[in-house]
Amino acid sequence: MNVEAIKTAIEELPEPERRKLADWFEELEEHAWDKRIEEDFSPGARGIPLLAELERELAKGETRPMEEGFAERRRSRP
């Protein structure tokens, strides 16, 4: 079965079954995302240097609340 055949089959599902499939697929994607985050931030993984940098910035007081950053970004948009 290919993607086009799957799409066609999904289009033919009754709405309650499509909703059930959509919920399942969303859960599948959430689990995949969680696994990726766990892999990226496990010891020795590529996210560890980012965490170390963040910890240094926090220790130096070089961070600010996200709300401030978002507000600044909104103000700078054309």
PDB file of N, CA and C in Angstrom:
ATOM      1  N   MET A   1       0.853  -1.176   0.000  1.00  0.00           N
ATOM      2  CA  MET A   1       0.000   0.000   0.000  1.00  0.00           C
ATOM      3  C   MET A   1       0.896   1.235   0.000  1.00  0.00           C
ATOM      4  N   ASN A   2       0.535   2.226  -0.812  1.00  0.00           N
ATOM      5  CA  ASN A   2       1.306   3.457  -0.858  1.00  0.00           C
ATOM      6  C   ASN A   2       0.532   4.597  -0.193  1.00  0.00           C
ATOM      7  N   VAL A   3       1.162   5.745  -0.105  1.00  0.00           N
ATOM      8  CA  VAL A   3       0.564   6.887   0.589  1.00  0.00           C
ATOM      9  C   VAL A   3      -0.743   7.315  -0.075  1.00  0.00           C
ATOM     10  N   GLU A   4      -0.773   7.331  -1.385  1.00  0.00           N
ATOM     11  CA  GLU A   4      -1.995   7.750  -2.070  1.00  0.00           C
ATOM     12  C   GLU A   4      -3.153   6.806  -1.753  1.00  0.00           C
ATOM     13  N   ALA A   5      -2.879   5.521  -1.693  1.00  0.00           N
ATOM     14  CA  ALA A   5      -3.930   4.551  -1.364  1.00  0.00           C
ATOM     15  C   ALA A   5      -4.411   4.752   0.068  1.00  0.00           C
ATOM     16  N   ILE A   6      -3.482   5.061   0.962  1.00  0.00           N
ATOM     17  CA  ILE A   6      -3.851   5.314   2.357  1.00  0.00           C
ATOM     18  C   ILE A   6      -4.711   6.571   2.450  1.00  0.00           C
ATOM     19  N   LYS A   7      -4.315   7.619   1.733  1.00  0.00           N
ATOM     20  CA  LYS A   7      -5.103   8.860   1.738  1.00  0.00           C
ATOM     21  C   LYS A   7      -6.528   8.603   1.246  1.00  0.00           C
ATOM     22  N   THR A   8      -6.639   7.849   0.179  1.00  0.00           N
ATOM     23  CA  THR A   8      -7.954   7.538  -0.381  1.00  0.00           C
ATOM     24  C   THR A   8      -8.783   6.762   0.631  1.00  0.00           C
ATOM     25  N   ALA A   9      -8.158   5.788   1.287  1.00  0.00           N
ATOM     26  CA  ALA A   9      -8.872   4.991   2.288  1.00  0.00           C
ATOM     27  C   ALA A   9      -9.331   5.866   3.450  1.00  0.00           C
ATOM     28  N   ILE A  10      -8.495   6.795   3.857  1.00  0.00           N
ATOM     29  CA  ILE A  10      -8.854   7.693   4.954  1.00  0.00           C
ATOM     30  C   ILE A  10     -10.026   8.583   4.555  1.00  0.00           C
ATOM     31  N   GLU A  11      -9.992   9.091   3.337  1.00  0.00           N
ATOM     32  CA  GLU A  11     -11.085   9.938   2.862  1.00  0.00           C
ATOM     33  C   GLU A  11     -12.427   9.206   2.864  1.00  0.00           C
ATOM     34  N   GLU A  12     -12.385   7.899   2.715  1.00  0.00           N
ATOM     35  CA  GLU A  12     -13.611   7.097   2.663  1.00  0.00           C
ATOM     36  C   GLU A  12     -14.126   6.697   4.049  1.00  0.00           C
ATOM     37  N   LEU A  13     -13.338   6.962   5.081  1.00  0.00           N
ATOM     38  CA  LEU A  13     -13.776   6.610   6.437  1.00  0.00           C
ATOM     39  C   LEU A  13     -14.927   7.512   6.886  1.00  0.00           C
ATOM     40  N   PRO A  14     -15.823   6.964   7.689  1.00  0.00           N
ATOM     41  CA  PRO A  14     -16.839   7.822   8.309  1.00  0.00           C
ATOM     42  C   PRO A  14     -16.151   8.808   9.272  1.00  0.00           C
ATOM     43  N   GLU A  15     -16.765   9.955   9.479  1.00  0.00           N
ATOM     44  CA  GLU A  15     -16.163  11.006  10.319  1.00  0.00           C
ATOM     45  C   GLU A  15     -15.702  10.504  11.678  1.00  0.00           C
ATOM     46  N   PRO A  16     -16.493   9.710  12.413  1.00  0.00           N
ATOM     47  CA  PRO A  16     -16.007   9.247  13.723  1.00  0.00           C
ATOM     48  C   PRO A  16     -14.731   8.406  13.622  1.00  0.00           C
ATOM     49  N   GLU A  17     -14.615   7.635  12.572  1.00  0.00           N
ATOM     50  CA  GLU A  17     -13.416   6.825  12.385  1.00  0.00           C
ATOM     51  C   GLU A  17     -12.218   7.692  11.992  1.00  0.00           C
ATOM     52  N   ARG A  18     -12.447   8.726  11.164  1.00  0.00           N
ATOM     53  CA  ARG A  18     -11.367   9.655  10.832  1.00  0.00           C
ATOM     54  C   ARG A  18     -10.867  10.367  12.079  1.00  0.00           C
ATOM     55  N   ARG A  19     -11.801  10.776  12.950  1.00  0.00           N
ATOM     56  CA  ARG A  19     -11.424  11.467  14.189  1.00  0.00           C
ATOM     57  C   ARG A  19     -10.579  10.540  15.066  1.00  0.00           C
ATOM     58  N   LYS A  20     -11.010   9.277  15.148  1.00  0.00           N
ATOM     59  CA  LYS A  20     -10.269   8.292  15.941  1.00  0.00           C
ATOM     60  C   LYS A  20      -8.863   8.102  15.366  1.00  0.00           C
ATOM     61  N   LEU A  21      -8.770   8.030  14.049  1.00  0.00           N
ATOM     62  CA  LEU A  21      -7.468   7.890  13.393  1.00  0.00           C
ATOM     63  C   LEU A  21      -6.609   9.128  13.631  1.00  0.00           C
ATOM     64  N   ALA A  22      -7.214  10.307  13.508  1.00  0.00           N
ATOM     65  CA  ALA A  22      -6.474  11.557  13.730  1.00  0.00           C
ATOM     66  C   ALA A  22      -5.936  11.627  15.155  1.00  0.00           C
ATOM     67  N   ASP A  23      -6.752  11.222  16.120  1.00  0.00           N
ATOM     68  CA  ASP A  23      -6.301  11.221  17.516  1.00  0.00           C
ATOM     69  C   ASP A  23      -5.132  10.261  17.702  1.00  0.00           C
ATOM     70  N   TRP A  24      -5.250   9.083  17.095  1.00  0.00           N
ATOM     71  CA  TRP A  24      -4.172   8.086  17.193  1.00  0.00           C
ATOM     72  C   TRP A  24      -2.897   8.626  16.565  1.00  0.00           C
ATOM     73  N   PHE A  25      -3.026   9.248  15.384  1.00  0.00           N
ATOM     74  CA  PHE A  25      -1.854   9.763  14.694  1.00  0.00           C
ATOM     75  C   PHE A  25      -1.195  10.886  15.488  1.00  0.00           C
ATOM     76  N   GLU A  26      -1.989  11.737  16.081  1.00  0.00           N
ATOM     77  CA  GLU A  26      -1.445  12.815  16.913  1.00  0.00           C
ATOM     78  C   GLU A  26      -0.666  12.238  18.095  1.00  0.00           C
ATOM     79  N   GLU A  27      -1.208  11.211  18.710  1.00  0.00           N
ATOM     80  CA  GLU A  27      -0.514  10.561  19.827  1.00  0.00           C
ATOM     81  C   GLU A  27       0.788   9.922  19.350  1.00  0.00           C
ATOM     82  N   LEU A  28       0.763   9.300  18.187  1.00  0.00           N
ATOM     83  CA  LEU A  28       1.964   8.704  17.613  1.00  0.00           C
ATOM     84  C   LEU A  28       3.044   9.762  17.415  1.00  0.00           C
ATOM     85  N   GLU A  29       2.659  10.909  16.868  1.00  0.00           N
ATOM     86  CA  GLU A  29       3.608  12.001  16.642  1.00  0.00           C
ATOM     87  C   GLU A  29       4.139  12.563  17.959  1.00  0.00           C
ATOM     88  N   GLU A  30       3.289  12.668  18.972  1.00  0.00           N
ATOM     89  CA  GLU A  30       3.733  13.163  20.278  1.00  0.00           C
ATOM     90  C   GLU A  30       4.773  12.228  20.884  1.00  0.00           C
ATOM     91  N   HIS A  31       4.548  10.935  20.758  1.00  0.00           N
ATOM     92  CA  HIS A  31       5.524   9.961  21.284  1.00  0.00           C
ATOM     93  C   HIS A  31       6.846  10.055  20.520  1.00  0.00           C
ATOM     94  N   ALA A  32       6.771  10.240  19.207  1.00  0.00           N
ATOM     95  CA  ALA A  32       7.990  10.374  18.408  1.00  0.00           C
ATOM     96  C   ALA A  32       8.760  11.626  18.822  1.00  0.00           C
ATOM     97  N   TRP A  33       8.035  12.722  19.071  1.00  0.00           N
ATOM     98  CA  TRP A  33       8.671  13.973  19.513  1.00  0.00           C
ATOM     99  C   TRP A  33       9.342  13.777  20.875  1.00  0.00           C
ATOM    100  N   ASP A  34       8.631  13.155  21.801  1.00  0.00           N
ATOM    101  CA  ASP A  34       9.202  12.910  23.126  1.00  0.00           C
ATOM    102  C   ASP A  34      10.467  12.073  23.032  1.00  0.00           C
ATOM    103  N   LYS A  35      10.443  11.049  22.179  1.00  0.00           N
ATOM    104  CA  LYS A  35      11.620  10.187  22.017  1.00  0.00           C
ATOM    105  C   LYS A  35      12.785  10.992  21.467  1.00  0.00           C
ATOM    106  N   ARG A  36      12.513  11.858  20.501  1.00  0.00           N
ATOM    107  CA  ARG A  36      13.573  12.674  19.913  1.00  0.00           C
ATOM    108  C   ARG A  36      14.189  13.612  20.956  1.00  0.00           C
ATOM    109  N   ILE A  37      13.354  14.239  21.768  1.00  0.00           N
ATOM    110  CA  ILE A  37      13.857  15.124  22.827  1.00  0.00           C
ATOM    111  C   ILE A  37      14.722  14.331  23.811  1.00  0.00           C
ATOM    112  N   GLU A  38      14.248  13.161  24.204  1.00  0.00           N
ATOM    113  CA  GLU A  38      15.028  12.322  25.122  1.00  0.00           C
ATOM    114  C   GLU A  38      16.382  11.972  24.517  1.00  0.00           C
ATOM    115  N   GLU A  39      16.393  11.650  23.232  1.00  0.00           N
ATOM    116  CA  GLU A  39      17.652  11.310  22.568  1.00  0.00           C
ATOM    117  C   GLU A  39      18.561  12.533  22.470  1.00  0.00           C
ATOM    118  N   ASP A  40      18.011  13.679  22.108  1.00  0.00           N
ATOM    119  CA  ASP A  40      18.813  14.888  21.937  1.00  0.00           C
ATOM    120  C   ASP A  40      19.411  15.405  23.240  1.00  0.00           C
ATOM    121  N   PHE A  41      18.744  15.119  24.370  1.00  0.00           N
ATOM    122  CA  PHE A  41      19.218  15.648  25.644  1.00  0.00           C
ATOM    123  C   PHE A  41      19.686  14.562  26.606  1.00  0.00           C
ATOM    124  N   SER A  42      20.024  13.389  26.077  1.00  0.00           N
ATOM    125  CA  SER A  42      20.622  12.354  26.911  1.00  0.00           C
ATOM    126  C   SER A  42      22.114  12.661  27.036  1.00  0.00           C
ATOM    127  N   PRO A  43      22.785  12.103  28.032  1.00  0.00           N
ATOM    128  CA  PRO A  43      24.210  12.403  28.220  1.00  0.00           C
ATOM    129  C   PRO A  43      25.016  12.181  26.933  1.00  0.00           C
ATOM    130  N   GLY A  44      25.799  13.195  26.581  1.00  0.00           N
ATOM    131  CA  GLY A  44      26.649  13.126  25.403  1.00  0.00           C
ATOM    132  C   GLY A  44      25.957  13.470  24.096  1.00  0.00           C
ATOM    133  N   ALA A  45      24.665  13.720  24.133  1.00  0.00           N
ATOM    134  CA  ALA A  45      23.929  14.020  22.892  1.00  0.00           C
ATOM    135  C   ALA A  45      24.106  15.484  22.495  1.00  0.00           C
ATOM    136  N   ARG A  46      23.590  15.820  21.322  1.00  0.00           N
ATOM    137  CA  ARG A  46      23.830  17.145  20.763  1.00  0.00           C
ATOM    138  C   ARG A  46      23.160  18.289  21.516  1.00  0.00           C
ATOM    139  N   GLY A  47      22.159  18.024  22.348  1.00  0.00           N
ATOM    140  CA  GLY A  47      21.494  19.080  23.093  1.00  0.00           C
ATOM    141  C   GLY A  47      22.206  19.464  24.380  1.00  0.00           C
ATOM    142  N   ILE A  48      23.139  18.649  24.816  1.00  0.00           N
ATOM    143  CA  ILE A  48      23.825  18.905  26.085  1.00  0.00           C
ATOM    144  C   ILE A  48      24.610  20.219  26.060  1.00  0.00           C
ATOM    145  N   PRO A  49      25.353  20.546  24.998  1.00  0.00           N
ATOM    146  CA  PRO A  49      26.043  21.853  24.985  1.00  0.00           C
ATOM    147  C   PRO A  49      25.064  23.027  25.094  1.00  0.00           C
ATOM    148  N   LEU A  50      23.904  22.901  24.507  1.00  0.00           N
ATOM    149  CA  LEU A  50      22.892  23.954  24.604  1.00  0.00           C
ATOM    150  C   LEU A  50      22.447  24.128  26.056  1.00  0.00           C
ATOM    151  N   LEU A  51      22.229  23.018  26.753  1.00  0.00           N
ATOM    152  CA  LEU A  51      21.855  23.103  28.172  1.00  0.00           C
ATOM    153  C   LEU A  51      22.963  23.732  28.998  1.00  0.00           C
ATOM    154  N   ALA A  52      24.205  23.377  28.694  1.00  0.00           N
ATOM    155  CA  ALA A  52      25.337  23.953  29.423  1.00  0.00           C
ATOM    156  C   ALA A  52      25.401  25.461  29.203  1.00  0.00           C
ATOM    157  N   GLU A  53      25.172  25.896  27.961  1.00  0.00           N
ATOM    158  CA  GLU A  53      25.169  27.331  27.668  1.00  0.00           C
ATOM    159  C   GLU A  53      24.052  28.040  28.421  1.00  0.00           C
ATOM    160  N   LEU A  54      22.885  27.451  28.438  1.00  0.00           N
ATOM    161  CA  LEU A  54      21.757  28.027  29.160  1.00  0.00           C
ATOM    162  C   LEU A  54      22.062  28.136  30.657  1.00  0.00           C
ATOM    163  N   GLU A  55      22.647  27.098  31.218  1.00  0.00           N
ATOM    164  CA  GLU A  55      22.999  27.134  32.649  1.00  0.00           C
ATOM    165  C   GLU A  55      23.995  28.247  32.938  1.00  0.00           C
ATOM    166  N   ARG A  56      24.970  28.460  32.036  1.00  0.00           N
ATOM    167  CA  ARG A  56      25.940  29.559  32.224  1.00  0.00           C
ATOM    168  C   ARG A  56      25.228  30.906  32.187  1.00  0.00           C
ATOM    169  N   GLU A  57      24.323  31.075  31.217  1.00  0.00           N
ATOM    170  CA  GLU A  57      23.592  32.339  31.111  1.00  0.00           C
ATOM    171  C   GLU A  57      22.716  32.580  32.333  1.00  0.00           C
ATOM    172  N   LEU A  58      22.083  31.543  32.826  1.00  0.00           N
ATOM    173  CA  LEU A  58      21.262  31.674  34.033  1.00  0.00           C
ATOM    174  C   LEU A  58      22.122  32.088  35.228  1.00  0.00           C
ATOM    175  N   ALA A  59      23.275  31.448  35.368  1.00  0.00           N
ATOM    176  CA  ALA A  59      24.164  31.752  36.493  1.00  0.00           C
ATOM    177  C   ALA A  59      24.658  33.191  36.444  1.00  0.00           C
ATOM    178  N   LYS A  60      24.856  33.729  35.244  1.00  0.00           N
ATOM    179  CA  LYS A  60      25.336  35.102  35.085  1.00  0.00           C
ATOM    180  C   LYS A  60      24.202  36.120  35.102  1.00  0.00           C
ATOM    181  N   GLY A  61      22.963  35.646  35.155  1.00  0.00           N
ATOM    182  CA  GLY A  61      21.832  36.559  35.135  1.00  0.00           C
ATOM    183  C   GLY A  61      21.589  37.179  33.770  1.00  0.00           C
ATOM    184  N   GLU A  62      22.007  36.492  32.720  1.00  0.00           N
ATOM    185  CA  GLU A  62      21.878  37.019  31.364  1.00  0.00           C
ATOM    186  C   GLU A  62      20.584  36.606  30.672  1.00  0.00           C
ATOM    187  N   THR A  63      19.667  36.091  31.404  1.00  0.00           N
ATOM    188  CA  THR A  63      18.402  35.668  30.803  1.00  0.00           C
ATOM    189  C   THR A  63      17.292  36.628  31.215  1.00  0.00           C
ATOM    190  N   ARG A  64      16.173  36.532  30.521  1.00  0.00           N
ATOM    191  CA  ARG A  64      15.013  37.338  30.877  1.00  0.00           C
ATOM    192  C   ARG A  64      13.763  36.501  30.616  1.00  0.00           C
ATOM    193  N   PRO A  65      12.664  36.884  31.186  1.00  0.00           N
ATOM    194  CA  PRO A  65      11.433  36.116  30.988  1.00  0.00           C
ATOM    195  C   PRO A  65      11.059  36.037  29.505  1.00  0.00           C
ATOM    196  N   MET A  66      10.514  34.907  29.106  1.00  0.00           N
ATOM    197  CA  MET A  66      10.123  34.714  27.711  1.00  0.00           C
ATOM    198  C   MET A  66       9.137  35.769  27.255  1.00  0.00           C
ATOM    199  N   GLU A  67       8.252  36.184  28.148  1.00  0.00           N
ATOM    200  CA  GLU A  67       7.250  37.176  27.778  1.00  0.00           C
ATOM    201  C   GLU A  67       7.907  38.457  27.275  1.00  0.00           C
ATOM    202  N   GLU A  68       9.019  38.837  27.896  1.00  0.00           N
ATOM    203  CA  GLU A  68       9.725  40.043  27.455  1.00  0.00           C
ATOM    204  C   GLU A  68      10.281  39.861  26.045  1.00  0.00           C
ATOM    205  N   GLY A  69      10.860  38.718  25.795  1.00  0.00           N
ATOM    206  CA  GLY A  69      11.396  38.435  24.467  1.00  0.00           C
ATOM    207  C   GLY A  69      10.310  38.411  23.410  1.00  0.00           C
ATOM    208  N   PHE A  70       9.170  37.796  23.746  1.00  0.00           N
ATOM    209  CA  PHE A  70       8.055  37.754  22.799  1.00  0.00           C
ATOM    210  C   PHE A  70       7.535  39.155  22.514  1.00  0.00           C
ATOM    211  N   ALA A  71       7.412  39.974  23.561  1.00  0.00           N
ATOM    212  CA  ALA A  71       6.921  41.346  23.380  1.00  0.00           C
ATOM    213  C   ALA A  71       7.878  42.141  22.499  1.00  0.00           C
ATOM    214  N   GLU A  72       9.156  41.989  22.721  1.00  0.00           N
ATOM    215  CA  GLU A  72      10.150  42.684  21.910  1.00  0.00           C
ATOM    216  C   GLU A  72      10.052  42.244  20.450  1.00  0.00           C
ATOM    217  N   ARG A  73       9.880  40.973  20.257  1.00  0.00           N
ATOM    218  CA  ARG A  73       9.765  40.448  18.887  1.00  0.00           C
ATOM    219  C   ARG A  73       8.525  40.994  18.184  1.00  0.00           C
ATOM    220  N   ARG A  74       7.416  41.064  18.910  1.00  0.00           N
ATOM    221  CA  ARG A  74       6.185  41.615  18.335  1.00  0.00           C
ATOM    222  C   ARG A  74       6.381  43.081  17.946  1.00  0.00           C
ATOM    223  N   ARG A  75       7.063  43.837  18.801  1.00  0.00           N
ATOM    224  CA  ARG A  75       7.282  45.257  18.513  1.00  0.00           C
ATOM    225  C   ARG A  75       8.181  45.453  17.293  1.00  0.00           C
ATOM    226  N   SER A  76       9.092  44.538  17.051  1.00  0.00           N
ATOM    227  CA  SER A  76      10.044  44.716  15.950  1.00  0.00           C
ATOM    228  C   SER A  76       9.508  44.237  14.610  1.00  0.00           C
ATOM    229  N   ARG A  77       8.341  43.608  14.591  1.00  0.00           N
ATOM    230  CA  ARG A  77       7.759  43.146  13.330  1.00  0.00           C
ATOM    231  C   ARG A  77       7.218  44.340  12.538  1.00  0.00           C
ATOM    232  N   PRO A  78       7.346  44.261  11.215  1.00  0.00           N
ATOM    233  CA  PRO A  78       6.833  45.374  10.382  1.00  0.00           C
ATOM    234  C   PRO A  78       5.325  45.444  10.390  1.00  0.00           C
TER     235      PRO A  78
END
